[in-house]
Amino acid sequence: VQLQASGGGMVQAGGSLRLSCTASRRSTSNHGMGWFRQARGKEREFVAAISWNGGRIDYSDSVKGRFTISRDNAKSTVYLQLSSLKPEDTALYYCAGAYRSCATVDSTQYAYWGQGTQVTVSS
């Protein structure tokens, strides 16, 4: 399965972006999906995850209340709405899929990854 992430860009603090991640196969509709990010010089960190039907969603504490993950299985696409952006949100954002239906914060549970889309937030 290949994932294509898009929607990144440069935005001022307080602004918004919507990231999209589209899978090459419809079979991902029963997979848990997640978003991770990696800032320069830092380790990759969990951002958000969603179960196959959206019934279970998890967020990291750093983005809870500001970011929203959602999915449209008919379009094989997962979204990450970023709002109230802060300079510390600057990172390369990756989407990932797991061969399991539930949401998980554990990056080792994800089997396939997208190429990443850059988000840069200026102060």
C-alpha atoms as a PDB file:
ATOM      1  CA  VAL A   1       0.000   0.000   0.000  1.00  0.00           C
ATOM      2  CA  GLN A   2       1.273   3.463  -0.851  1.00  0.00           C
ATOM      3  CA  LEU A   3       0.245   6.612   0.954  1.00  0.00           C
ATOM      4  CA  GLN A   4       0.388  10.083  -0.554  1.00  0.00           C
ATOM      5  CA  ALA A   5       0.374  12.939   1.925  1.00  0.00           C
ATOM      6  CA  SER A   6      -0.330  16.516   0.934  1.00  0.00           C
ATOM      7  CA  GLY A   7      -1.531  19.843   2.275  1.00  0.00           C
ATOM      8  CA  GLY A   8       1.538  21.045   4.109  1.00  0.00           C
ATOM      9  CA  GLY A   9       2.858  24.555   3.788  1.00  0.00           C
ATOM     10  CA  MET A  10       3.931  27.706   5.564  1.00  0.00           C
ATOM     11  CA  VAL A  11       1.518  29.498   7.863  1.00  0.00           C
ATOM     12  CA  GLN A  12       1.674  32.095  10.600  1.00  0.00           C
ATOM     13  CA  ALA A  13       1.065  31.210  14.218  1.00  0.00           C
ATOM     14  CA  GLY A  14      -2.634  30.889  14.891  1.00  0.00           C
ATOM     15  CA  GLY A  15      -3.331  29.764  11.361  1.00  0.00           C
ATOM     16  CA  SER A  16      -4.754  26.516  10.006  1.00  0.00           C
ATOM     17  CA  LEU A  17      -3.914  23.819   7.509  1.00  0.00           C
ATOM     18  CA  ARG A  18      -5.566  20.599   6.419  1.00  0.00           C
ATOM     19  CA  LEU A  19      -3.388  17.628   5.634  1.00  0.00           C
ATOM     20  CA  SER A  20      -4.628  14.779   3.467  1.00  0.00           C
ATOM     21  CA  CYS A  21      -3.336  11.250   3.111  1.00  0.00           C
ATOM     22  CA  THR A  22      -4.675   9.112   0.286  1.00  0.00           C
ATOM     23  CA  ALA A  23      -4.048   5.402  -0.006  1.00  0.00           C
ATOM     24  CA  SER A  24      -3.457   3.570  -3.246  1.00  0.00           C
ATOM     25  CA  ARG A  25      -5.871   0.800  -2.292  1.00  0.00           C
ATOM     26  CA  ARG A  26      -9.449   0.744  -1.028  1.00  0.00           C
ATOM     27  CA  SER A  27      -8.476  -2.142   1.266  1.00  0.00           C
ATOM     28  CA  THR A  28      -7.131   0.402   3.755  1.00  0.00           C
ATOM     29  CA  SER A  29     -10.714   1.204   4.732  1.00  0.00           C
ATOM     30  CA  ASN A  30     -10.506  -1.419   7.493  1.00  0.00           C
ATOM     31  CA  HIS A  31      -7.083  -0.283   8.752  1.00  0.00           C
ATOM     32  CA  GLY A  32      -6.271   1.966  11.648  1.00  0.00           C
ATOM     33  CA  MET A  33      -4.507   5.106  10.456  1.00  0.00           C
ATOM     34  CA  GLY A  34      -2.269   7.600  12.189  1.00  0.00           C
ATOM     35  CA  TRP A  35      -0.330  10.815  11.841  1.00  0.00           C
ATOM     36  CA  PHE A  36       3.148  11.331  13.213  1.00  0.00           C
ATOM     37  CA  ARG A  37       5.586  14.218  12.961  1.00  0.00           C
ATOM     38  CA  GLN A  38       9.291  14.772  13.184  1.00  0.00           C
ATOM     39  CA  ALA A  39      10.864  18.126  13.835  1.00  0.00           C
ATOM     40  CA  ARG A  40      14.443  18.786  12.808  1.00  0.00           C
ATOM     41  CA  GLY A  41      16.833  17.247  15.285  1.00  0.00           C
ATOM     42  CA  LYS A  42      14.089  15.466  17.184  1.00  0.00           C
ATOM     43  CA  GLU A  43      12.620  11.995  17.209  1.00  0.00           C
ATOM     44  CA  ARG A  44       9.394  11.182  15.446  1.00  0.00           C
ATOM     45  CA  GLU A  45       6.366  11.595  17.686  1.00  0.00           C
ATOM     46  CA  PHE A  46       2.761  10.488  17.642  1.00  0.00           C
ATOM     47  CA  VAL A  47       0.168  13.113  16.724  1.00  0.00           C
ATOM     48  CA  ALA A  48      -3.195  11.415  16.156  1.00  0.00           C
ATOM     49  CA  ALA A  49      -4.754   8.072  15.289  1.00  0.00           C
ATOM     50  CA  ILE A  50      -8.147   6.902  14.111  1.00  0.00           C
ATOM     51  CA  SER A  51      -9.733   3.454  13.996  1.00  0.00           C
ATOM     52  CA  TRP A  52     -11.122   1.981  10.786  1.00  0.00           C
ATOM     53  CA  ASN A  53     -14.593   3.450  11.279  1.00  0.00           C
ATOM     54  CA  GLY A  54     -13.642   6.561  13.223  1.00  0.00           C
ATOM     55  CA  GLY A  55     -15.114   5.125  16.384  1.00  0.00           C
ATOM     56  CA  ARG A  56     -11.878   5.488  18.315  1.00  0.00           C
ATOM     57  CA  ILE A  57      -9.609   8.527  18.065  1.00  0.00           C
ATOM     58  CA  ASP A  58      -6.496   9.383  20.037  1.00  0.00           C
ATOM     59  CA  TYR A  59      -4.430  12.570  20.169  1.00  0.00           C
ATOM     60  CA  SER A  60      -1.169  13.510  21.763  1.00  0.00           C
ATOM     61  CA  ASP A  61      -1.542  15.946  24.623  1.00  0.00           C
ATOM     62  CA  SER A  62       0.357  18.579  22.673  1.00  0.00           C
ATOM     63  CA  VAL A  63      -2.268  18.777  19.907  1.00  0.00           C
ATOM     64  CA  LYS A  64      -5.474  17.824  21.714  1.00  0.00           C
ATOM     65  CA  GLY A  65      -8.113  20.481  21.197  1.00  0.00           C
ATOM     66  CA  ARG A  66      -6.276  21.998  18.226  1.00  0.00           C
ATOM     67  CA  PHE A  67      -5.966  19.166  15.705  1.00  0.00           C
ATOM     68  CA  THR A  68      -8.731  16.946  14.350  1.00  0.00           C
ATOM     69  CA  ILE A  69      -8.252  13.624  12.592  1.00  0.00           C
ATOM     70  CA  SER A  70     -10.951  12.210  10.337  1.00  0.00           C
ATOM     71  CA  ARG A  71     -11.307   9.795   7.470  1.00  0.00           C
ATOM     72  CA  ASP A  72     -13.384   9.184   4.374  1.00  0.00           C
ATOM     73  CA  ASN A  73     -13.151   5.502   3.530  1.00  0.00           C
ATOM     74  CA  ALA A  74     -14.980   5.982   0.244  1.00  0.00           C
ATOM     75  CA  LYS A  75     -12.052   8.154  -0.839  1.00  0.00           C
ATOM     76  CA  SER A  76      -9.394   6.073   0.959  1.00  0.00           C
ATOM     77  CA  THR A  77      -8.293   9.311   2.580  1.00  0.00           C
ATOM     78  CA  VAL A  78      -7.404  10.375   6.095  1.00  0.00           C
ATOM     79  CA  TYR A  79      -7.335  14.034   7.076  1.00  0.00           C
ATOM     80  CA  LEU A  80      -5.633  16.015   9.776  1.00  0.00           C
ATOM     81  CA  GLN A  81      -7.063  19.464  10.413  1.00  0.00           C
ATOM     82  CA  LEU A  82      -4.468  21.656  12.107  1.00  0.00           C
ATOM     83  CA  SER A  83      -5.779  24.746  13.874  1.00  0.00           C
ATOM     84  CA  SER A  84      -4.341  27.323  16.257  1.00  0.00           C
ATOM     85  CA  LEU A  85      -0.917  26.408  14.966  1.00  0.00           C
ATOM     86  CA  LYS A  86       2.162  27.195  17.000  1.00  0.00           C
ATOM     87  CA  PRO A  87       5.806  27.469  15.917  1.00  0.00           C
ATOM     88  CA  GLU A  88       6.508  24.264  17.841  1.00  0.00           C
ATOM     89  CA  ASP A  89       4.162  22.430  15.447  1.00  0.00           C
ATOM     90  CA  THR A  90       6.755  22.907  12.714  1.00  0.00           C
ATOM     91  CA  ALA A  91       7.718  19.443  11.485  1.00  0.00           C
ATOM     92  CA  LEU A  92       7.514  16.921   8.708  1.00  0.00           C
ATOM     93  CA  TYR A  93       4.153  15.221   9.083  1.00  0.00           C
ATOM     94  CA  TYR A  94       3.763  11.568   8.123  1.00  0.00           C
ATOM     95  CA  CYS A  95       0.665   9.456   7.744  1.00  0.00           C
ATOM     96  CA  ALA A  96       0.792   5.738   8.384  1.00  0.00           C
ATOM     97  CA  GLY A  97      -1.437   2.696   8.178  1.00  0.00           C
ATOM     98  CA  ALA A  98      -1.670  -0.398  10.330  1.00  0.00           C
ATOM     99  CA  TYR A  99      -2.857  -3.885   9.442  1.00  0.00           C
ATOM    100  CA  ARG A 100      -5.286  -3.691  12.289  1.00  0.00           C
ATOM    101  CA  SER A 101      -8.608  -1.948  12.652  1.00  0.00           C
ATOM    102  CA  CYS A 102      -8.011  -0.072  15.878  1.00  0.00           C
ATOM    103  CA  ALA A 103      -6.267   3.216  16.530  1.00  0.00           C
ATOM    104  CA  THR A 104      -2.811   3.001  18.061  1.00  0.00           C
ATOM    105  CA  VAL A 105      -0.234   5.483  19.292  1.00  0.00           C
ATOM    106  CA  ASP A 106       2.578   2.949  18.852  1.00  0.00           C
ATOM    107  CA  SER A 107       4.557   3.696  15.705  1.00  0.00           C
ATOM    108  CA  THR A 108       5.894   0.131  15.560  1.00  0.00           C
ATOM    109  CA  GLN A 109       2.352  -1.098  14.889  1.00  0.00           C
ATOM    110  CA  TYR A 110       2.185   0.770  11.576  1.00  0.00           C
ATOM    111  CA  ALA A 111       3.115  -1.218   8.512  1.00  0.00           C
ATOM    112  CA  TYR A 112       3.197   1.393   5.753  1.00  0.00           C
ATOM    113  CA  TRP A 113       4.073   5.079   5.691  1.00  0.00           C
ATOM    114  CA  GLY A 114       3.655   8.062   3.440  1.00  0.00           C
ATOM    115  CA  GLN A 115       6.502  10.299   2.326  1.00  0.00           C
ATOM    116  CA  GLY A 116       5.698  13.208   4.620  1.00  0.00           C
ATOM    117  CA  THR A 117       4.490  16.745   4.097  1.00  0.00           C
ATOM    118  CA  GLN A 118       6.231  19.764   5.638  1.00  0.00           C
ATOM    119  CA  VAL A 119       4.401  22.126   7.965  1.00  0.00           C
ATOM    120  CA  THR A 120       6.186  25.329   8.905  1.00  0.00           C
ATOM    121  CA  VAL A 121       4.677  27.763  11.398  1.00  0.00           C
ATOM    122  CA  SER A 122       6.207  31.204  11.773  1.00  0.00           C
ATOM    123  CA  SER A 123       5.842  33.364  14.867  1.00  0.00           C
END
